[in-house]
Protein backbone atom coordinates (compact mmCIF):
# COMPACT_ATOMS: atom_id res chain seq x y z
CA UNK A 1 -164.95 31.51 235.03
CA UNK A 2 -161.65 30.51 236.66
CA UNK A 3 -158.55 29.43 234.72
CA UNK A 4 -159.06 25.89 236.06
CA UNK A 5 -162.66 25.81 234.85
CA UNK A 6 -161.59 27.12 231.45
CA UNK A 7 -159.02 24.35 231.14
CA UNK A 8 -161.52 21.70 232.20
CA UNK A 9 -163.88 22.62 229.38
CA UNK A 10 -161.23 23.16 226.70
CA UNK A 11 -159.76 20.56 224.41
CA UNK A 12 -156.52 19.01 225.61
CA UNK A 13 -153.33 18.34 223.69
CA UNK A 14 -152.54 14.63 223.99
CA UNK A 15 -149.13 13.28 222.98
CA UNK A 16 -149.14 9.54 222.20
CA UNK A 17 -145.92 7.64 221.58
CA UNK A 18 -145.98 4.56 219.40
CA UNK A 19 -148.75 6.32 217.55
CA UNK A 20 -148.36 4.43 214.29
CA UNK A 21 -149.35 1.10 215.86
CA UNK A 22 -152.80 -0.37 216.38
CA UNK A 23 -153.10 0.44 220.08
CA UNK A 24 -151.72 3.96 219.58
CA UNK A 25 -154.25 4.67 216.82
CA UNK A 26 -157.09 3.29 218.91
CA UNK A 27 -156.15 5.47 221.88
CA UNK A 28 -155.87 8.49 219.60
CA UNK A 29 -159.32 7.85 218.12
CA UNK A 30 -160.83 7.71 221.61
CA UNK A 31 -159.32 11.06 222.62
CA UNK A 32 -160.40 12.64 219.33
CA UNK A 33 -163.94 11.41 219.92
CA UNK A 34 -163.89 13.27 223.23
CA UNK A 35 -162.93 16.54 221.56
CA UNK A 36 -159.20 16.53 222.28
CA UNK A 37 -156.40 17.09 219.79
CA UNK A 38 -153.77 14.38 219.47
CA UNK A 39 -150.15 14.32 218.39
CA UNK A 40 -148.94 10.89 217.32
CA UNK A 41 -145.22 10.28 217.84
CA UNK A 42 -143.36 7.34 216.34
CA UNK A 43 -139.89 6.41 215.10
CA UNK A 44 -141.40 5.53 211.69
CA UNK A 45 -142.03 8.92 210.10
CA UNK A 46 -144.02 7.63 207.12
CA UNK A 47 -146.22 5.32 209.16
CA UNK A 48 -147.06 7.92 211.79
CA UNK A 49 -147.88 10.55 209.17
CA UNK A 50 -150.20 8.05 207.49
CA UNK A 51 -151.85 7.22 210.82
CA UNK A 52 -152.51 10.88 211.57
CA UNK A 53 -153.93 11.42 208.09
CA UNK A 54 -156.23 8.42 208.51
CA UNK A 55 -157.52 9.76 211.83
CA UNK A 56 -158.39 13.09 210.24
CA UNK A 57 -158.90 16.56 211.73
CA UNK A 58 -157.40 17.07 215.18
CA UNK A 59 -154.59 14.58 214.64
CA UNK A 60 -151.01 15.43 213.74
CA UNK A 61 -147.74 13.52 213.66
CA UNK A 62 -144.14 13.91 214.73
CA UNK A 63 -141.25 11.53 214.14
CA UNK A 64 -139.03 10.83 217.15
CA UNK A 65 -136.75 8.11 218.48
CA UNK A 66 -137.71 7.86 222.16
CA UNK A 67 -134.31 6.34 223.01
CA UNK A 68 -132.58 9.62 221.97
CA UNK A 69 -132.94 12.19 224.78
CA UNK A 70 -132.01 15.14 222.55
CA UNK A 71 -134.56 14.09 219.94
CA UNK A 72 -137.24 13.67 222.61
CA UNK A 73 -136.54 17.12 224.05
CA UNK A 74 -136.73 18.64 220.56
CA UNK A 75 -140.00 16.84 219.85
CA UNK A 76 -141.58 18.04 223.09
CA UNK A 77 -140.46 21.59 222.32
CA UNK A 78 -142.01 21.30 218.85
CA UNK A 79 -145.35 20.04 220.17
CA UNK A 80 -145.44 22.88 222.69
CA UNK A 81 -144.56 25.41 219.99
CA UNK A 82 -147.33 24.06 217.75
CA UNK A 83 -150.05 23.64 220.38
CA UNK A 84 -149.08 25.75 223.39
CA UNK A 85 -148.84 22.94 225.94
CA UNK A 86 -149.04 19.20 226.52
CA UNK A 87 -151.90 18.20 228.82
CA UNK A 88 -151.72 14.42 228.53
CA UNK A 89 -148.87 12.06 227.69
CA UNK A 90 -149.56 8.45 226.76
CA UNK A 91 -146.39 6.33 226.81
CA UNK A 92 -147.51 3.62 224.41
CA UNK A 93 -144.29 2.93 222.45
CA UNK A 94 -142.62 -0.37 223.18
CA UNK A 95 -140.93 -3.45 221.76
CA UNK A 96 -143.08 -6.61 221.92
CA UNK A 97 -141.65 -8.67 219.09
CA UNK A 98 -138.44 -9.90 220.76
CA UNK A 99 -138.99 -13.13 222.69
CA UNK A 100 -136.84 -15.91 224.07
CA UNK A 101 -136.32 -18.09 227.09
CA UNK A 102 -133.94 -16.96 229.82
CA UNK A 103 -131.22 -19.37 228.72
CA UNK A 104 -131.57 -18.51 225.03
CA UNK A 105 -132.21 -14.77 224.73
CA UNK A 106 -129.17 -12.75 223.72
CA UNK A 107 -128.09 -9.85 225.95
CA UNK A 108 -128.30 -7.56 222.91
CA UNK A 109 -131.97 -8.42 222.38
CA UNK A 110 -132.72 -7.81 226.03
CA UNK A 111 -130.82 -4.52 225.90
CA UNK A 112 -133.06 -3.40 223.02
CA UNK A 113 -136.18 -4.06 225.11
CA UNK A 114 -134.71 -2.23 228.09
CA UNK A 115 -133.65 0.70 225.92
CA UNK A 116 -137.08 1.20 224.34
CA UNK A 117 -139.57 0.00 226.95
CA UNK A 118 -137.87 1.31 230.08
CA UNK A 119 -135.38 4.03 229.15
CA UNK A 120 -137.61 5.34 226.35
CA UNK A 121 -140.59 5.60 228.69
CA UNK A 122 -138.41 7.31 231.29
CA UNK A 123 -136.96 9.76 228.75
CA UNK A 124 -140.31 10.91 227.39
CA UNK A 125 -141.85 11.08 230.87
CA UNK A 126 -138.96 13.20 232.11
CA UNK A 127 -139.13 15.63 229.18
CA UNK A 128 -142.90 16.08 229.37
CA UNK A 129 -142.89 16.34 233.16
CA UNK A 130 -140.29 19.10 232.94
CA UNK A 131 -142.53 20.97 230.49
CA UNK A 132 -145.66 20.48 232.60
CA UNK A 133 -143.91 21.58 235.77
CA UNK A 134 -142.35 24.67 234.20
CA UNK A 135 -145.63 25.66 232.53
CA UNK A 136 -147.80 24.96 235.58
CA UNK A 137 -149.79 22.30 233.70
CA UNK A 138 -151.61 19.97 236.09
CA UNK A 139 -151.44 17.23 233.54
CA UNK A 140 -151.75 13.48 233.30
CA UNK A 141 -149.39 10.73 232.17
CA UNK A 142 -150.68 7.26 231.29
CA UNK A 143 -148.18 4.47 230.66
CA UNK A 144 -149.09 1.34 228.74
CA UNK A 145 -147.88 -1.54 230.85
CA UNK A 146 -148.91 -5.22 230.77
CA UNK A 147 -150.33 -7.80 233.13
CA UNK A 148 -147.24 -9.77 232.14
CA UNK A 149 -145.38 -7.64 234.65
CA UNK A 150 -147.33 -9.55 237.31
CA UNK A 151 -148.07 -12.88 235.61
CA UNK A 152 -145.14 -14.44 233.74
CA UNK A 153 -145.41 -16.42 230.52
CA UNK A 154 -142.48 -18.67 229.46
CA UNK A 155 -140.51 -17.09 226.64
CA UNK A 156 -141.84 -13.57 227.27
CA UNK A 157 -139.87 -12.71 230.38
CA UNK A 158 -137.76 -9.98 228.80
CA UNK A 159 -140.82 -8.02 227.69
CA UNK A 160 -142.67 -8.76 230.92
CA UNK A 161 -139.81 -7.68 233.16
CA UNK A 162 -139.62 -4.41 231.24
CA UNK A 163 -143.32 -3.83 231.91
CA UNK A 164 -142.81 -4.56 235.62
CA UNK A 165 -140.25 -1.75 235.47
CA UNK A 166 -142.82 0.49 233.77
CA UNK A 167 -145.22 -0.14 236.66
CA UNK A 168 -142.45 0.80 239.11
CA UNK A 169 -141.63 3.91 237.06
CA UNK A 170 -145.33 4.82 237.19
CA UNK A 171 -145.33 4.79 240.99
CA UNK A 172 -142.01 6.64 241.15
CA UNK A 173 -143.24 9.41 238.87
CA UNK A 174 -146.62 9.57 240.62
CA UNK A 175 -145.18 10.24 244.08
CA UNK A 176 -142.64 12.79 242.89
CA UNK A 177 -144.91 14.70 240.49
CA UNK A 178 -147.95 14.82 242.78
CA UNK A 179 -146.80 18.11 244.33
CA UNK A 180 -147.03 19.68 240.86
CA UNK A 181 -150.54 18.30 240.38
CA UNK A 182 -149.38 15.85 237.71
CA UNK A 183 -150.98 12.41 237.90
CA UNK A 184 -149.24 9.30 236.61
CA UNK A 185 -151.02 5.99 236.07
CA UNK A 186 -150.72 2.90 233.90
CA UNK A 187 -153.06 0.68 231.93
CA UNK A 188 -151.99 -2.97 231.95
CA UNK A 189 -153.64 -4.98 229.17
CA UNK A 190 -153.49 -8.68 228.59
CA UNK A 191 -153.02 -9.75 224.95
CA UNK A 192 -154.64 -7.24 222.59
CA UNK A 193 -155.87 -8.13 219.10
CA UNK A 194 -153.80 -5.66 217.13
CA UNK A 195 -153.31 -6.40 213.40
CA UNK A 196 -149.93 -7.98 214.25
CA UNK A 197 -151.40 -10.30 216.88
CA UNK A 198 -154.35 -11.22 214.65
CA UNK A 199 -151.87 -12.29 211.99
CA UNK A 200 -149.95 -14.43 214.46
CA UNK A 201 -153.06 -15.81 216.20
CA UNK A 202 -155.85 -15.93 213.60
CA UNK A 203 -159.43 -16.62 214.61
CA UNK A 204 -159.91 -20.34 215.18
CA UNK A 205 -156.22 -21.09 215.66
CA UNK A 206 -155.12 -23.36 218.53
CA UNK A 207 -152.87 -20.56 219.85
CA UNK A 208 -155.81 -18.11 220.05
CA UNK A 209 -158.02 -20.72 221.69
CA UNK A 210 -155.33 -21.64 224.23
CA UNK A 211 -154.85 -18.04 225.29
CA UNK A 212 -158.58 -17.31 225.43
CA UNK A 213 -158.93 -20.30 227.76
CA UNK A 214 -156.74 -18.47 230.28
CA UNK A 215 -159.16 -15.52 230.39
CA UNK A 216 -162.30 -15.76 232.55
CA UNK A 217 -164.28 -13.50 230.19
CA UNK A 218 -163.36 -15.89 227.38
CA UNK A 219 -161.75 -13.63 224.79
CA UNK A 220 -158.69 -11.55 224.05
CA UNK A 221 -158.99 -7.77 224.29
CA UNK A 222 -159.81 -5.57 221.33
CA UNK A 223 -158.02 -2.23 220.99
CA UNK A 224 -161.39 -0.63 221.78
CA UNK A 225 -161.29 -2.31 225.20
CA UNK A 226 -158.00 -0.63 226.11
CA UNK A 227 -158.54 2.92 224.87
CA UNK A 228 -161.41 3.86 227.24
CA UNK A 229 -159.28 2.93 230.25
CA UNK A 230 -156.55 5.30 229.05
CA UNK A 231 -159.03 8.13 228.51
CA UNK A 232 -160.55 7.47 231.95
CA UNK A 233 -157.22 7.65 233.77
CA UNK A 234 -156.26 10.78 231.83
CA UNK A 235 -159.31 12.51 233.30
CA UNK A 236 -159.64 10.90 236.73
CA UNK A 237 -158.51 13.82 238.83
CA UNK A 238 -157.97 11.99 242.13
CA UNK A 239 -156.31 8.79 240.91
CA UNK A 240 -152.53 8.49 240.70
CA UNK A 241 -149.96 5.72 240.97
CA UNK A 242 -152.20 2.83 239.89
CA UNK A 243 -151.74 0.18 237.21
CA UNK A 244 -155.20 -0.78 235.95
CA UNK A 245 -155.51 -4.28 234.46
CA UNK A 246 -157.58 -4.58 231.28
CA UNK A 247 -157.31 -8.33 230.95
CA UNK A 248 -160.74 -9.95 231.04
CA UNK A 249 -159.91 -11.29 234.49
CA UNK A 250 -156.74 -13.14 233.48
CA UNK A 251 -154.95 -12.12 236.68
CA UNK A 252 -157.71 -13.90 238.61
CA UNK A 253 -157.00 -17.24 236.99
């Protein structure tokens, strides 16, 4: 059996940023169900440790601030020391909670979004790509973007413009890392019913109904709708540079 065949049938090490959140946990559960091991990374050390414990065997945790390049490099080195290599990176960490209209949003709030959603994604991608390239790992990177990068919503432009940048970063990384056999794609959800969103838009609320009315399939996404797309792109060996909408058809409306 060739080295490539051995790798194809072996479990992968999957690093997931923002691993303490609802989408990060859902993605981790999907990879674990496929026989992979996962490392959840998050700035909240207690929350990410709890998330890994809840997921059970095959899941571990590491605390890291993705806006700190030195901390990211140290975290990647630690994951490699613990598990030998990183096969898949999922850039899931991001700031969603800061909103405001163009004429109202403070530059400091926008800078926070840029620092986490754009520079953080870049920093982790760069560190993992350097590891994959040096180790000869023909790996996969999946960024969590948003259809908001293509379809604006008033008051959410700061977040949405950061996700448009993530889509651009996806294409940039894909074309430059292709020669090393590293594929880079994105999954672009519409609104996802994480615990935080459920609290803000409870079932039966006018806000939930108004948003569902924008979606041809008639409902907001569950976390379980997003995770399979991430797993698919992590294993789709001849797809790179795409941003796959998981939006119930909202971009069609």
